[in-house]
């Protein structure tokens, strides 16, 4: 039996990109880290590029070595926060915005 987690089922059954954005913002870190490829593929299939970029940055942040103060590297922290804010505005009904380009070297 191949049962999906409810949040993954919600992602696959999302009505539109606003619903996908909301799911990605609410997804627990542990689930995001374990199933990043599943979330990324769902965004790719839906042609939801900002969602795919958000998954990329969240995964990078969860795997990043922190500095002596426990902070993320600026190359991850800045774009992730910008994208999170844009995604939250979009999920709440705001206008879609272009995400920062994903740095594939993260």
PDB file of N, CA and C in Angstrom:
ATOM      1  N   UNK A   1       0.827  -1.168   0.000  1.00  0.00           N
ATOM      2  CA  UNK A   1       0.000   0.000   0.000  1.00  0.00           C
ATOM      3  C   UNK A   1       0.879   1.241   0.000  1.00  0.00           C
ATOM      4  N   UNK A   2       0.608   2.168  -0.900  1.00  0.00           N
ATOM      5  CA  UNK A   2       1.419   3.362  -1.048  1.00  0.00           C
ATOM      6  C   UNK A   2       0.594   4.584  -0.635  1.00  0.00           C
ATOM      7  N   UNK A   3       0.572   4.878   0.654  1.00  0.00           N
ATOM      8  CA  UNK A   3      -0.224   5.973   1.186  1.00  0.00           C
ATOM      9  C   UNK A   3       0.651   7.223   1.301  1.00  0.00           C
ATOM     10  N   UNK A   4       0.164   8.327   0.745  1.00  0.00           N
ATOM     11  CA  UNK A   4       0.886   9.588   0.814  1.00  0.00           C
ATOM     12  C   UNK A   4       0.521  10.335   2.087  1.00  0.00           C
ATOM     13  N   UNK A   5       1.442  11.142   2.554  1.00  0.00           N
ATOM     14  CA  UNK A   5       1.127  12.038   3.663  1.00  0.00           C
ATOM     15  C   UNK A   5       0.038  12.993   3.195  1.00  0.00           C
ATOM     16  N   UNK A   6      -0.846  13.416   4.090  1.00  0.00           N
ATOM     17  CA  UNK A   6      -1.925  14.334   3.693  1.00  0.00           C
ATOM     18  C   UNK A   6      -1.417  15.595   2.991  1.00  0.00           C
ATOM     19  N   UNK A   7      -0.316  16.171   3.457  1.00  0.00           N
ATOM     20  CA  UNK A   7       0.169  17.401   2.849  1.00  0.00           C
ATOM     21  C   UNK A   7       0.671  17.152   1.427  1.00  0.00           C
ATOM     22  N   UNK A   8       1.197  15.977   1.167  1.00  0.00           N
ATOM     23  CA  UNK A   8       1.637  15.641  -0.185  1.00  0.00           C
ATOM     24  C   UNK A   8       0.427  15.412  -1.081  1.00  0.00           C
ATOM     25  N   UNK A   9      -0.584  14.739  -0.559  1.00  0.00           N
ATOM     26  CA  UNK A   9      -1.828  14.582  -1.326  1.00  0.00           C
ATOM     27  C   UNK A   9      -2.426  15.944  -1.652  1.00  0.00           C
ATOM     28  N   UNK A  10      -2.410  16.853  -0.682  1.00  0.00           N
ATOM     29  CA  UNK A  10      -2.934  18.199  -0.913  1.00  0.00           C
ATOM     30  C   UNK A  10      -2.154  18.899  -2.020  1.00  0.00           C
ATOM     31  N   UNK A  11      -0.852  18.703  -2.019  1.00  0.00           N
ATOM     32  CA  UNK A  11      -0.014  19.326  -3.045  1.00  0.00           C
ATOM     33  C   UNK A  11      -0.375  18.791  -4.422  1.00  0.00           C
ATOM     34  N   UNK A  12      -0.536  17.487  -4.514  1.00  0.00           N
ATOM     35  CA  UNK A  12      -0.882  16.870  -5.800  1.00  0.00           C
ATOM     36  C   UNK A  12      -2.282  17.260  -6.263  1.00  0.00           C
ATOM     37  N   UNK A  13      -3.178  17.525  -5.329  1.00  0.00           N
ATOM     38  CA  UNK A  13      -4.571  17.836  -5.664  1.00  0.00           C
ATOM     39  C   UNK A  13      -4.884  19.333  -5.604  1.00  0.00           C
ATOM     40  N   UNK A  14      -3.877  20.165  -5.422  1.00  0.00           N
ATOM     41  CA  UNK A  14      -4.105  21.612  -5.298  1.00  0.00           C
ATOM     42  C   UNK A  14      -4.813  22.155  -6.532  1.00  0.00           C
ATOM     43  N   UNK A  15      -5.778  23.029  -6.283  1.00  0.00           N
ATOM     44  CA  UNK A  15      -6.594  23.588  -7.365  1.00  0.00           C
ATOM     45  C   UNK A  15      -5.820  24.562  -8.239  1.00  0.00           C
ATOM     46  N   UNK A  16      -4.848  25.268  -7.649  1.00  0.00           N
ATOM     47  CA  UNK A  16      -4.125  26.277  -8.420  1.00  0.00           C
ATOM     48  C   UNK A  16      -2.813  26.614  -7.712  1.00  0.00           C
ATOM     49  N   UNK A  17      -2.079  27.559  -8.296  1.00  0.00           N
ATOM     50  CA  UNK A  17      -0.778  27.925  -7.736  1.00  0.00           C
ATOM     51  C   UNK A  17      -0.892  28.605  -6.374  1.00  0.00           C
ATOM     52  N   UNK A  18      -1.963  29.342  -6.125  1.00  0.00           N
ATOM     53  CA  UNK A  18      -2.137  29.954  -4.797  1.00  0.00           C
ATOM     54  C   UNK A  18      -2.252  28.867  -3.726  1.00  0.00           C
ATOM     55  N   UNK A  19      -2.998  27.819  -4.031  1.00  0.00           N
ATOM     56  CA  UNK A  19      -3.121  26.703  -3.082  1.00  0.00           C
ATOM     57  C   UNK A  19      -1.783  26.014  -2.894  1.00  0.00           C
ATOM     58  N   UNK A  20      -1.029  25.837  -3.981  1.00  0.00           N
ATOM     59  CA  UNK A  20       0.300  25.218  -3.869  1.00  0.00           C
ATOM     60  C   UNK A  20       1.220  26.097  -3.018  1.00  0.00           C
ATOM     61  N   UNK A  21       1.166  27.408  -3.218  1.00  0.00           N
ATOM     62  CA  UNK A  21       1.995  28.326  -2.427  1.00  0.00           C
ATOM     63  C   UNK A  21       1.667  28.200  -0.946  1.00  0.00           C
ATOM     64  N   UNK A  22       0.387  28.159  -0.624  1.00  0.00           N
ATOM     65  CA  UNK A  22      -0.046  28.028   0.763  1.00  0.00           C
ATOM     66  C   UNK A  22       0.479  26.732   1.384  1.00  0.00           C
ATOM     67  N   UNK A  23       0.406  25.652   0.640  1.00  0.00           N
ATOM     68  CA  UNK A  23       0.882  24.358   1.134  1.00  0.00           C
ATOM     69  C   UNK A  23       2.385  24.409   1.389  1.00  0.00           C
ATOM     70  N   UNK A  24       3.135  24.981   0.456  1.00  0.00           N
ATOM     71  CA  UNK A  24       4.592  25.054   0.612  1.00  0.00           C
ATOM     72  C   UNK A  24       4.978  25.907   1.810  1.00  0.00           C
ATOM     73  N   UNK A  25       4.231  26.969   2.056  1.00  0.00           N
ATOM     74  CA  UNK A  25       4.535  27.825   3.203  1.00  0.00           C
ATOM     75  C   UNK A  25       4.229  27.146   4.530  1.00  0.00           C
ATOM     76  N   UNK A  26       3.238  26.282   4.555  1.00  0.00           N
ATOM     77  CA  UNK A  26       2.811  25.611   5.789  1.00  0.00           C
ATOM     78  C   UNK A  26       3.542  24.293   6.053  1.00  0.00           C
ATOM     79  N   UNK A  27       4.231  23.799   5.053  1.00  0.00           N
ATOM     80  CA  UNK A  27       4.867  22.486   5.164  1.00  0.00           C
ATOM     81  C   UNK A  27       5.938  22.477   6.264  1.00  0.00           C
ATOM     82  N   UNK A  28       5.869  21.520   7.178  1.00  0.00           N
ATOM     83  CA  UNK A  28       6.898  21.416   8.219  1.00  0.00           C
ATOM     84  C   UNK A  28       8.280  21.168   7.613  1.00  0.00           C
ATOM     85  N   UNK A  29       9.301  21.684   8.272  1.00  0.00           N
ATOM     86  CA  UNK A  29      10.665  21.537   7.770  1.00  0.00           C
ATOM     87  C   UNK A  29      11.074  20.079   7.571  1.00  0.00           C
ATOM     88  N   UNK A  30      10.734  19.229   8.526  1.00  0.00           N
ATOM     89  CA  UNK A  30      11.114  17.821   8.419  1.00  0.00           C
ATOM     90  C   UNK A  30      10.494  17.151   7.202  1.00  0.00           C
ATOM     91  N   UNK A  31       9.246  17.471   6.937  1.00  0.00           N
ATOM     92  CA  UNK A  31       8.562  16.910   5.761  1.00  0.00           C
ATOM     93  C   UNK A  31       9.183  17.477   4.494  1.00  0.00           C
ATOM     94  N   UNK A  32       9.457  18.787   4.494  1.00  0.00           N
ATOM     95  CA  UNK A  32      10.064  19.407   3.316  1.00  0.00           C
ATOM     96  C   UNK A  32      11.414  18.781   3.014  1.00  0.00           C
ATOM     97  N   UNK A  33      12.230  18.579   4.018  1.00  0.00           N
ATOM     98  CA  UNK A  33      13.553  18.004   3.795  1.00  0.00           C
ATOM     99  C   UNK A  33      13.451  16.580   3.261  1.00  0.00           C
ATOM    100  N   UNK A  34      12.599  15.787   3.864  1.00  0.00           N
ATOM    101  CA  UNK A  34      12.479  14.385   3.461  1.00  0.00           C
ATOM    102  C   UNK A  34      11.856  14.230   2.073  1.00  0.00           C
ATOM    103  N   UNK A  35      10.901  15.097   1.743  1.00  0.00           N
ATOM    104  CA  UNK A  35      10.149  14.943   0.488  1.00  0.00           C
ATOM    105  C   UNK A  35      10.357  16.111  -0.477  1.00  0.00           C
ATOM    106  N   UNK A  36      11.493  16.788  -0.382  1.00  0.00           N
ATOM    107  CA  UNK A  36      11.745  17.942  -1.256  1.00  0.00           C
ATOM    108  C   UNK A  36      11.592  17.570  -2.724  1.00  0.00           C
ATOM    109  N   UNK A  37      12.075  16.403  -3.095  1.00  0.00           N
ATOM    110  CA  UNK A  37      11.969  15.994  -4.499  1.00  0.00           C
ATOM    111  C   UNK A  37      10.513  15.834  -4.931  1.00  0.00           C
ATOM    112  N   UNK A  38       9.654  15.364  -4.047  1.00  0.00           N
ATOM    113  CA  UNK A  38       8.235  15.186  -4.354  1.00  0.00           C
ATOM    114  C   UNK A  38       7.571  16.547  -4.537  1.00  0.00           C
ATOM    115  N   UNK A  39       7.851  17.484  -3.634  1.00  0.00           N
ATOM    116  CA  UNK A  39       7.282  18.830  -3.750  1.00  0.00           C
ATOM    117  C   UNK A  39       7.807  19.537  -4.998  1.00  0.00           C
ATOM    118  N   UNK A  40       9.104  19.386  -5.256  1.00  0.00           N
ATOM    119  CA  UNK A  40       9.705  20.010  -6.431  1.00  0.00           C
ATOM    120  C   UNK A  40       9.072  19.455  -7.714  1.00  0.00           C
ATOM    121  N   UNK A  41       8.906  18.146  -7.780  1.00  0.00           N
ATOM    122  CA  UNK A  41       8.294  17.521  -8.963  1.00  0.00           C
ATOM    123  C   UNK A  41       6.845  17.959  -9.143  1.00  0.00           C
ATOM    124  N   UNK A  42       6.099  18.105  -8.054  1.00  0.00           N
ATOM    125  CA  UNK A  42       4.711  18.562  -8.147  1.00  0.00           C
ATOM    126  C   UNK A  42       4.657  19.982  -8.704  1.00  0.00           C
ATOM    127  N   UNK A  43       5.579  20.827  -8.263  1.00  0.00           N
ATOM    128  CA  UNK A  43       5.641  22.199  -8.785  1.00  0.00           C
ATOM    129  C   UNK A  43       6.034  22.187 -10.260  1.00  0.00           C
ATOM    130  N   UNK A  44       6.981  21.350 -10.601  1.00  0.00           N
ATOM    131  CA  UNK A  44       7.439  21.267 -11.999  1.00  0.00           C
ATOM    132  C   UNK A  44       6.301  20.816 -12.905  1.00  0.00           C
ATOM    133  N   UNK A  45       5.560  19.790 -12.494  1.00  0.00           N
ATOM    134  CA  UNK A  45       4.439  19.296 -13.306  1.00  0.00           C
ATOM    135  C   UNK A  45       3.359  20.363 -13.493  1.00  0.00           C
ATOM    136  N   UNK A  46       3.197  21.214 -12.495  1.00  0.00           N
ATOM    137  CA  UNK A  46       2.192  22.268 -12.566  1.00  0.00           C
ATOM    138  C   UNK A  46       2.750  23.549 -13.210  1.00  0.00           C
ATOM    139  N   UNK A  47       4.020  23.514 -13.607  1.00  0.00           N
ATOM    140  CA  UNK A  47       4.696  24.698 -14.166  1.00  0.00           C
ATOM    141  C   UNK A  47       4.641  25.874 -13.178  1.00  0.00           C
ATOM    142  N   UNK A  48       4.779  25.568 -11.896  1.00  0.00           N
ATOM    143  CA  UNK A  48       4.786  26.569 -10.828  1.00  0.00           C
ATOM    144  C   UNK A  48       6.236  26.835 -10.437  1.00  0.00           C
ATOM    145  N   UNK A  49       6.925  27.618 -11.265  1.00  0.00           N
ATOM    146  CA  UNK A  49       8.346  27.874 -11.078  1.00  0.00           C
ATOM    147  C   UNK A  49       8.691  28.511  -9.735  1.00  0.00           C
ATOM    148  N   UNK A  50       7.918  29.509  -9.255  1.00  0.00           N
ATOM    149  CA  UNK A  50       8.245  30.071  -7.940  1.00  0.00           C
ATOM    150  C   UNK A  50       8.188  29.019  -6.819  1.00  0.00           C
ATOM    151  N   UNK A  51       7.264  28.071  -6.930  1.00  0.00           N
ATOM    152  CA  UNK A  51       7.179  27.006  -5.931  1.00  0.00           C
ATOM    153  C   UNK A  51       8.396  26.106  -5.973  1.00  0.00           C
ATOM    154  N   UNK A  52       8.819  25.789  -7.187  1.00  0.00           N
ATOM    155  CA  UNK A  52      10.015  24.956  -7.341  1.00  0.00           C
ATOM    156  C   UNK A  52      11.232  25.662  -6.746  1.00  0.00           C
ATOM    157  N   UNK A  53      11.322  26.970  -6.963  1.00  0.00           N
ATOM    158  CA  UNK A  53      12.433  27.747  -6.408  1.00  0.00           C
ATOM    159  C   UNK A  53      12.362  27.787  -4.886  1.00  0.00           C
ATOM    160  N   UNK A  54      11.164  27.946  -4.330  1.00  0.00           N
ATOM    161  CA  UNK A  54      11.015  27.953  -2.879  1.00  0.00           C
ATOM    162  C   UNK A  54      11.466  26.619  -2.276  1.00  0.00           C
ATOM    163  N   UNK A  55      11.077  25.524  -2.891  1.00  0.00           N
ATOM    164  CA  UNK A  55      11.506  24.209  -2.400  1.00  0.00           C
ATOM    165  C   UNK A  55      13.036  24.124  -2.431  1.00  0.00           C
ATOM    166  N   UNK A  56      13.629  24.590  -3.511  1.00  0.00           N
ATOM    167  CA  UNK A  56      15.090  24.569  -3.648  1.00  0.00           C
ATOM    168  C   UNK A  56      15.760  25.322  -2.491  1.00  0.00           C
ATOM    169  N   UNK A  57      15.275  26.543  -2.218  1.00  0.00           N
ATOM    170  CA  UNK A  57      15.884  27.342  -1.160  1.00  0.00           C
ATOM    171  C   UNK A  57      15.599  26.779   0.225  1.00  0.00           C
ATOM    172  N   UNK A  58      14.400  26.265   0.439  1.00  0.00           N
ATOM    173  CA  UNK A  58      14.110  25.683   1.764  1.00  0.00           C
ATOM    174  C   UNK A  58      14.991  24.473   2.019  1.00  0.00           C
ATOM    175  N   UNK A  59      15.148  23.635   1.005  1.00  0.00           N
ATOM    176  CA  UNK A  59      16.007  22.456   1.165  1.00  0.00           C
ATOM    177  C   UNK A  59      17.449  22.884   1.437  1.00  0.00           C
ATOM    178  N   UNK A  60      17.933  23.871   0.686  1.00  0.00           N
ATOM    179  CA  UNK A  60      19.299  24.365   0.903  1.00  0.00           C
ATOM    180  C   UNK A  60      19.459  24.919   2.312  1.00  0.00           C
ATOM    181  N   UNK A  61      18.446  25.654   2.786  1.00  0.00           N
ATOM    182  CA  UNK A  61      18.515  26.225   4.131  1.00  0.00           C
ATOM    183  C   UNK A  61      18.542  25.140   5.198  1.00  0.00           C
ATOM    184  N   UNK A  62      17.761  24.109   5.001  1.00  0.00           N
ATOM    185  CA  UNK A  62      17.696  23.039   5.996  1.00  0.00           C
ATOM    186  C   UNK A  62      18.989  22.231   6.061  1.00  0.00           C
ATOM    187  N   UNK A  63      19.736  22.239   4.979  1.00  0.00           N
ATOM    188  CA  UNK A  63      20.978  21.463   4.932  1.00  0.00           C
ATOM    189  C   UNK A  63      22.222  22.308   5.153  1.00  0.00           C
ATOM    190  N   UNK A  64      22.060  23.631   5.226  1.00  0.00           N
ATOM    191  CA  UNK A  64      23.203  24.549   5.302  1.00  0.00           C
ATOM    192  C   UNK A  64      23.884  24.515   6.661  1.00  0.00           C
ATOM    193  N   UNK A  65      25.185  24.649   6.621  1.00  0.00           N
ATOM    194  CA  UNK A  65      25.962  24.844   7.839  1.00  0.00           C
ATOM    195  C   UNK A  65      25.743  26.276   8.285  1.00  0.00           C
ATOM    196  N   UNK A  66      25.470  26.458   9.558  1.00  0.00           N
ATOM    197  CA  UNK A  66      25.206  27.782  10.123  1.00  0.00           C
ATOM    198  C   UNK A  66      26.513  28.419  10.570  1.00  0.00           C
ATOM    199  N   UNK A  67      26.477  29.736  10.745  1.00  0.00           N
ATOM    200  CA  UNK A  67      27.657  30.415  11.259  1.00  0.00           C
ATOM    201  C   UNK A  67      27.711  30.280  12.787  1.00  0.00           C
ATOM    202  N   UNK A  68      28.661  30.938  13.408  1.00  0.00           N
ATOM    203  CA  UNK A  68      28.845  30.813  14.861  1.00  0.00           C
ATOM    204  C   UNK A  68      27.640  31.298  15.655  1.00  0.00           C
ATOM    205  N   UNK A  69      26.801  32.128  15.027  1.00  0.00           N
ATOM    206  CA  UNK A  69      25.597  32.622  15.690  1.00  0.00           C
ATOM    207  C   UNK A  69      24.359  31.823  15.309  1.00  0.00           C
ATOM    208  N   UNK A  70      24.554  30.750  14.566  1.00  0.00           N
ATOM    209  CA  UNK A  70      23.428  29.921  14.166  1.00  0.00           C
ATOM    210  C   UNK A  70      22.661  30.460  12.968  1.00  0.00           C
ATOM    211  N   UNK A  71      23.223  31.421  12.260  1.00  0.00           N
ATOM    212  CA  UNK A  71      22.542  32.040  11.124  1.00  0.00           C
ATOM    213  C   UNK A  71      22.901  31.364   9.806  1.00  0.00           C
ATOM    214  N   UNK A  72      21.944  31.416   8.885  1.00  0.00           N
ATOM    215  CA  UNK A  72      22.165  30.885   7.540  1.00  0.00           C
ATOM    216  C   UNK A  72      23.145  31.756   6.770  1.00  0.00           C
ATOM    217  N   UNK A  73      23.834  31.173   5.799  1.00  0.00           N
ATOM    218  CA  UNK A  73      24.676  32.000   4.928  1.00  0.00           C
ATOM    219  C   UNK A  73      23.806  33.032   4.206  1.00  0.00           C
ATOM    220  N   UNK A  74      24.287  34.252   4.037  1.00  0.00           N
ATOM    221  CA  UNK A  74      23.504  35.300   3.387  1.00  0.00           C
ATOM    222  C   UNK A  74      23.010  34.918   1.984  1.00  0.00           C
ATOM    223  N   UNK A  75      23.770  34.123   1.259  1.00  0.00           N
ATOM    224  CA  UNK A  75      23.365  33.720  -0.100  1.00  0.00           C
ATOM    225  C   UNK A  75      22.101  32.865  -0.090  1.00  0.00           C
ATOM    226  N   UNK A  76      21.782  32.286   1.051  1.00  0.00           N
ATOM    227  CA  UNK A  76      20.553  31.494   1.177  1.00  0.00           C
ATOM    228  C   UNK A  76      19.487  32.301   1.917  1.00  0.00           C
ATOM    229  N   UNK A  77      19.889  32.922   3.027  1.00  0.00           N
ATOM    230  CA  UNK A  77      18.923  33.608   3.893  1.00  0.00           C
ATOM    231  C   UNK A  77      18.183  34.731   3.180  1.00  0.00           C
ATOM    232  N   UNK A  78      18.900  35.579   2.454  1.00  0.00           N
ATOM    233  CA  UNK A  78      18.276  36.723   1.791  1.00  0.00           C
ATOM    234  C   UNK A  78      17.252  36.309   0.738  1.00  0.00           C
ATOM    235  N   UNK A  79      17.676  35.528  -0.248  1.00  0.00           N
ATOM    236  CA  UNK A  79      16.716  35.101  -1.273  1.00  0.00           C
ATOM    237  C   UNK A  79      15.557  34.282  -0.708  1.00  0.00           C
ATOM    238  N   UNK A  80      15.824  33.448   0.291  1.00  0.00           N
ATOM    239  CA  UNK A  80      14.756  32.644   0.878  1.00  0.00           C
ATOM    240  C   UNK A  80      13.704  33.539   1.525  1.00  0.00           C
ATOM    241  N   UNK A  81      14.134  34.547   2.256  1.00  0.00           N
ATOM    242  CA  UNK A  81      13.180  35.440   2.908  1.00  0.00           C
ATOM    243  C   UNK A  81      12.408  36.266   1.883  1.00  0.00           C
ATOM    244  N   UNK A  82      13.078  36.760   0.857  1.00  0.00           N
ATOM    245  CA  UNK A  82      12.382  37.497  -0.211  1.00  0.00           C
ATOM    246  C   UNK A  82      11.317  36.635  -0.860  1.00  0.00           C
ATOM    247  N   UNK A  83      11.687  35.420  -1.172  1.00  0.00           N
ATOM    248  CA  UNK A  83      10.767  34.505  -1.827  1.00  0.00           C
ATOM    249  C   UNK A  83       9.624  34.110  -0.896  1.00  0.00           C
ATOM    250  N   UNK A  84       9.927  33.894   0.381  1.00  0.00           N
ATOM    251  CA  UNK A  84       8.877  33.552   1.341  1.00  0.00           C
ATOM    252  C   UNK A  84       7.852  34.672   1.433  1.00  0.00           C
ATOM    253  N   UNK A  85       8.327  35.910   1.503  1.00  0.00           N
ATOM    254  CA  UNK A  85       7.414  37.047   1.578  1.00  0.00           C
ATOM    255  C   UNK A  85       6.567  37.173   0.319  1.00  0.00           C
ATOM    256  N   UNK A  86       7.195  37.033  -0.838  1.00  0.00           N
ATOM    257  CA  UNK A  86       6.457  37.113  -2.106  1.00  0.00           C
ATOM    258  C   UNK A  86       5.428  35.992  -2.202  1.00  0.00           C
ATOM    259  N   UNK A  87       5.811  34.807  -1.761  1.00  0.00           N
ATOM    260  CA  UNK A  87       4.909  33.647  -1.819  1.00  0.00           C
ATOM    261  C   UNK A  87       3.736  33.852  -0.859  1.00  0.00           C
ATOM    262  N   UNK A  88       3.995  34.417   0.311  1.00  0.00           N
ATOM    263  CA  UNK A  88       2.918  34.676   1.273  1.00  0.00           C
ATOM    264  C   UNK A  88       1.938  35.704   0.711  1.00  0.00           C
ATOM    265  N   UNK A  89       2.457  36.751   0.078  1.00  0.00           N
ATOM    266  CA  UNK A  89       1.564  37.742  -0.543  1.00  0.00           C
ATOM    267  C   UNK A  89       0.728  37.088  -1.640  1.00  0.00           C
ATOM    268  N   UNK A  90       1.356  36.267  -2.452  1.00  0.00           N
ATOM    269  CA  UNK A  90       0.660  35.582  -3.541  1.00  0.00           C
ATOM    270  C   UNK A  90      -0.414  34.643  -2.992  1.00  0.00           C
ATOM    271  N   UNK A  91      -0.075  33.847  -1.984  1.00  0.00           N
ATOM    272  CA  UNK A  91      -1.024  32.898  -1.401  1.00  0.00           C
ATOM    273  C   UNK A  91      -2.230  33.626  -0.799  1.00  0.00           C
ATOM    274  N   UNK A  92      -1.996  34.848  -0.317  1.00  0.00           N
ATOM    275  CA  UNK A  92      -3.072  35.634   0.293  1.00  0.00           C
ATOM    276  C   UNK A  92      -3.898  36.397  -0.746  1.00  0.00           C
ATOM    277  N   UNK A  93      -3.577  36.222  -2.022  1.00  0.00           N
ATOM    278  CA  UNK A  93      -4.371  36.861  -3.067  1.00  0.00           C
ATOM    279  C   UNK A  93      -3.676  37.987  -3.794  1.00  0.00           C
ATOM    280  N   UNK A  94      -2.427  38.253  -3.449  1.00  0.00           N
ATOM    281  CA  UNK A  94      -1.682  39.319  -4.122  1.00  0.00           C
ATOM    282  C   UNK A  94      -1.225  38.916  -5.507  1.00  0.00           C
ATOM    283  N   UNK A  95      -0.592  39.853  -6.161  1.00  0.00           N
ATOM    284  CA  UNK A  95      -0.099  39.604  -7.517  1.00  0.00           C
ATOM    285  C   UNK A  95       1.110  38.682  -7.490  1.00  0.00           C
ATOM    286  N   UNK A  96       1.202  37.782  -8.460  1.00  0.00           N
ATOM    287  CA  UNK A  96       2.395  36.931  -8.544  1.00  0.00           C
ATOM    288  C   UNK A  96       3.614  37.780  -8.900  1.00  0.00           C
ATOM    289  N   UNK A  97       4.746  37.380  -8.398  1.00  0.00           N
ATOM    290  CA  UNK A  97       5.992  38.082  -8.682  1.00  0.00           C
ATOM    291  C   UNK A  97       7.027  37.085  -9.159  1.00  0.00           C
ATOM    292  N   UNK A  98       7.971  37.586  -9.914  1.00  0.00           N
ATOM    293  CA  UNK A  98       9.062  36.729 -10.354  1.00  0.00           C
ATOM    294  C   UNK A  98       9.923  36.377  -9.134  1.00  0.00           C
ATOM    295  N   UNK A  99      10.228  35.104  -8.956  1.00  0.00           N
ATOM    296  CA  UNK A  99      11.078  34.727  -7.832  1.00  0.00           C
ATOM    297  C   UNK A  99      12.534  35.080  -8.142  1.00  0.00           C
ATOM    298  N   UNK A 100      13.359  35.191  -7.125  1.00  0.00           N
ATOM    299  CA  UNK A 100      14.787  35.349  -7.399  1.00  0.00           C
ATOM    300  C   UNK A 100      15.259  34.094  -8.123  1.00  0.00           C
ATOM    301  N   UNK A 101      16.209  34.254  -9.005  1.00  0.00           N
ATOM    302  CA  UNK A 101      16.728  33.095  -9.742  1.00  0.00           C
ATOM    303  C   UNK A 101      17.355  32.130  -8.752  1.00  0.00           C
ATOM    304  N   UNK A 102      17.065  30.870  -8.915  1.00  0.00           N
ATOM    305  CA  UNK A 102      17.615  29.855  -8.017  1.00  0.00           C
ATOM    306  C   UNK A 102      19.106  29.704  -8.290  1.00  0.00           C
ATOM    307  N   UNK A 103      19.884  29.750  -7.247  1.00  0.00           N
ATOM    308  CA  UNK A 103      21.323  29.511  -7.355  1.00  0.00           C
ATOM    309  C   UNK A 103      21.533  28.022  -7.238  1.00  0.00           C
ATOM    310  N   UNK A 104      21.844  27.395  -8.341  1.00  0.00           N
ATOM    311  CA  UNK A 104      21.964  25.930  -8.346  1.00  0.00           C
ATOM    312  C   UNK A 104      23.219  25.454  -7.624  1.00  0.00           C
ATOM    313  N   UNK A 105      24.084  26.385  -7.215  1.00  0.00           N
ATOM    314  CA  UNK A 105      25.287  25.991  -6.500  1.00  0.00           C
ATOM    315  C   UNK A 105      25.089  25.955  -4.999  1.00  0.00           C
ATOM    316  N   UNK A 106      23.860  26.171  -4.518  1.00  0.00           N
ATOM    317  CA  UNK A 106      23.608  26.180  -3.064  1.00  0.00           C
ATOM    318  C   UNK A 106      23.814  24.807  -2.496  1.00  0.00           C
TER     319      UNK A 106
END
